[in-house]
Amino acid sequence: MKMLDRLCAIALFLLALIGCLLVPKTYTGRIWIFGTCLALMFTAMFNWLRIRNGAAMRSLRIFCITGNLTMLALACSLIASIGAARTLGNPPVLLAGILLLIETALSLAKASDSAQAANGV
């Protein structure tokens, strides 16, 4: 599970980095695309910190869960707004949604594991 968590965090970071580099220079809404890519990068970095230091930093898990859920909501609303045909035509959008879904599930699972360990269950 930890390896999957790491791979998803790295893949999300690289996807966001490539997205930042490929923002069209002539598109008038480019700042919004760039901002979304930066938010994805920060979410990936939060997840990487959670993987490395999660047991010692309880509040970091809460930030990761919140960030993952927020970005997942953004990805779902984007997918819903552009429709199925355009989503399938833009694989990075679908990939980001899938990676965020996995990271959200792993963050929630790890949070419940640490809560059980703290309670002695």
Protein backbone atom coordinates (compact mmCIF):
# COMPACT_ATOMS: atom_id res chain seq x y z
CA MET A 1 0.00 0.00 0.00
CA LYS A 2 2.81 2.39 0.82
CA MET A 3 4.38 1.82 -2.60
CA LEU A 4 1.05 2.56 -4.32
CA ASP A 5 0.74 5.69 -2.18
CA ARG A 6 4.21 6.86 -3.23
CA LEU A 7 3.63 6.09 -6.90
CA CYS A 8 0.34 7.99 -6.92
CA ALA A 9 1.89 11.02 -5.18
CA ILE A 10 4.81 11.05 -7.63
CA ALA A 11 2.53 10.57 -10.64
CA LEU A 12 0.26 13.39 -9.46
CA PHE A 13 3.25 15.69 -8.99
CA LEU A 14 4.68 14.87 -12.43
CA LEU A 15 1.28 15.26 -14.09
CA ALA A 16 0.89 18.70 -12.48
CA LEU A 17 4.46 19.71 -13.40
CA ILE A 18 3.94 18.73 -17.04
CA GLY A 19 0.61 20.55 -17.00
CA CYS A 20 2.35 23.71 -15.75
CA LEU A 21 4.92 23.48 -18.52
CA LEU A 22 2.33 22.91 -21.25
CA VAL A 23 -0.07 25.76 -20.46
CA PRO A 24 -0.84 27.45 -23.80
CA LYS A 25 0.77 30.90 -23.92
CA THR A 26 -1.96 32.39 -26.12
CA TYR A 27 -4.99 31.12 -24.16
CA THR A 28 -6.69 33.93 -22.23
CA GLY A 29 -7.57 31.69 -19.25
CA ARG A 30 -4.05 30.34 -18.86
CA ILE A 31 -3.63 31.67 -15.33
CA TRP A 32 -6.50 29.43 -14.14
CA ILE A 33 -4.96 26.36 -15.74
CA PHE A 34 -1.60 27.24 -14.21
CA GLY A 35 -3.17 27.82 -10.80
CA THR A 36 -4.95 24.47 -10.92
CA CYS A 37 -1.69 22.73 -11.81
CA LEU A 38 0.05 24.44 -8.90
CA ALA A 39 -2.75 23.34 -6.55
CA LEU A 40 -2.27 19.76 -7.79
CA MET A 41 1.47 20.05 -7.15
CA PHE A 42 0.89 21.25 -3.59
CA THR A 43 -1.57 18.42 -3.01
CA ALA A 44 1.01 15.91 -4.25
CA MET A 45 3.67 17.46 -2.00
CA PHE A 46 1.33 17.29 1.02
CA ASN A 47 0.73 13.61 0.25
CA TRP A 48 4.47 12.97 -0.01
CA LEU A 49 4.99 14.60 3.40
CA ARG A 50 2.14 12.50 4.82
CA ILE A 51 3.75 9.32 3.51
CA ARG A 52 7.14 10.21 5.02
CA ASN A 53 6.04 11.83 8.31
CA GLY A 54 2.39 10.93 8.74
CA ALA A 55 2.60 9.05 12.03
CA ALA A 56 4.36 11.92 13.76
CA MET A 57 2.18 14.73 12.42
CA ARG A 58 -1.54 14.19 12.95
CA SER A 59 -2.58 17.60 11.60
CA LEU A 60 -0.72 16.85 8.36
CA ARG A 61 -3.12 13.95 7.72
CA ILE A 62 -6.08 16.29 8.15
CA PHE A 63 -4.56 18.77 5.70
CA CYS A 64 -3.95 15.95 3.20
CA ILE A 65 -7.47 14.63 3.49
CA THR A 66 -8.87 18.14 3.08
CA GLY A 67 -6.61 18.91 0.13
CA ASN A 68 -7.34 15.59 -1.56
CA LEU A 69 -11.11 15.97 -1.10
CA THR A 70 -11.04 19.56 -2.35
CA MET A 71 -9.02 18.73 -5.45
CA LEU A 72 -11.15 15.62 -6.05
CA ALA A 73 -14.26 17.82 -5.94
CA LEU A 74 -12.62 20.17 -8.44
CA ALA A 75 -11.71 17.27 -10.73
CA CYS A 76 -15.23 15.81 -10.52
CA SER A 77 -16.84 19.17 -11.27
CA LEU A 78 -14.48 19.67 -14.22
CA ILE A 79 -15.28 16.21 -15.57
CA ALA A 80 -19.01 16.85 -15.14
CA SER A 81 -18.84 20.26 -16.79
CA ILE A 82 -16.88 19.24 -19.89
CA GLY A 83 -18.77 15.98 -20.41
CA ALA A 84 -17.73 12.41 -21.08
CA ALA A 85 -16.54 12.90 -24.67
CA ARG A 86 -14.17 15.78 -23.85
CA THR A 87 -12.97 14.02 -20.69
CA LEU A 88 -12.00 10.94 -22.70
CA GLY A 89 -10.33 13.27 -25.22
CA ASN A 90 -8.23 14.77 -22.40
CA PRO A 91 -6.60 11.82 -20.59
CA PRO A 92 -4.71 14.01 -18.07
CA VAL A 93 -8.01 15.22 -16.61
CA LEU A 94 -9.24 11.67 -16.09
CA LEU A 95 -5.84 10.53 -14.79
CA ALA A 96 -5.72 13.39 -12.27
CA GLY A 97 -9.20 12.44 -11.06
CA ILE A 98 -8.24 8.79 -10.65
CA LEU A 99 -4.99 9.65 -8.84
CA LEU A 100 -6.82 12.03 -6.51
CA LEU A 101 -9.44 9.38 -5.79
CA ILE A 102 -6.72 6.86 -4.88
CA GLU A 103 -4.83 9.38 -2.73
CA THR A 104 -8.05 10.36 -0.94
CA ALA A 105 -8.85 6.72 -0.20
CA LEU A 106 -5.30 6.05 1.02
CA SER A 107 -5.32 9.18 3.19
CA LEU A 108 -8.61 8.18 4.77
CA ALA A 109 -7.48 4.58 5.26
CA LYS A 110 -4.21 5.65 6.87
CA ALA A 111 -6.07 8.12 9.10
CA SER A 112 -8.40 5.40 10.36
CA ASP A 113 -5.41 3.06 10.92
CA SER A 114 -3.60 5.67 13.00
CA ALA A 115 -6.76 6.48 14.98
CA GLN A 116 -7.20 2.79 15.80
CA ALA A 117 -3.55 2.51 16.82
CA ALA A 118 -3.88 5.55 19.06
CA ASN A 119 -6.95 4.04 20.72
CA GLY A 120 -5.18 0.72 21.22
CA VAL A 121 -7.56 -1.22 18.95
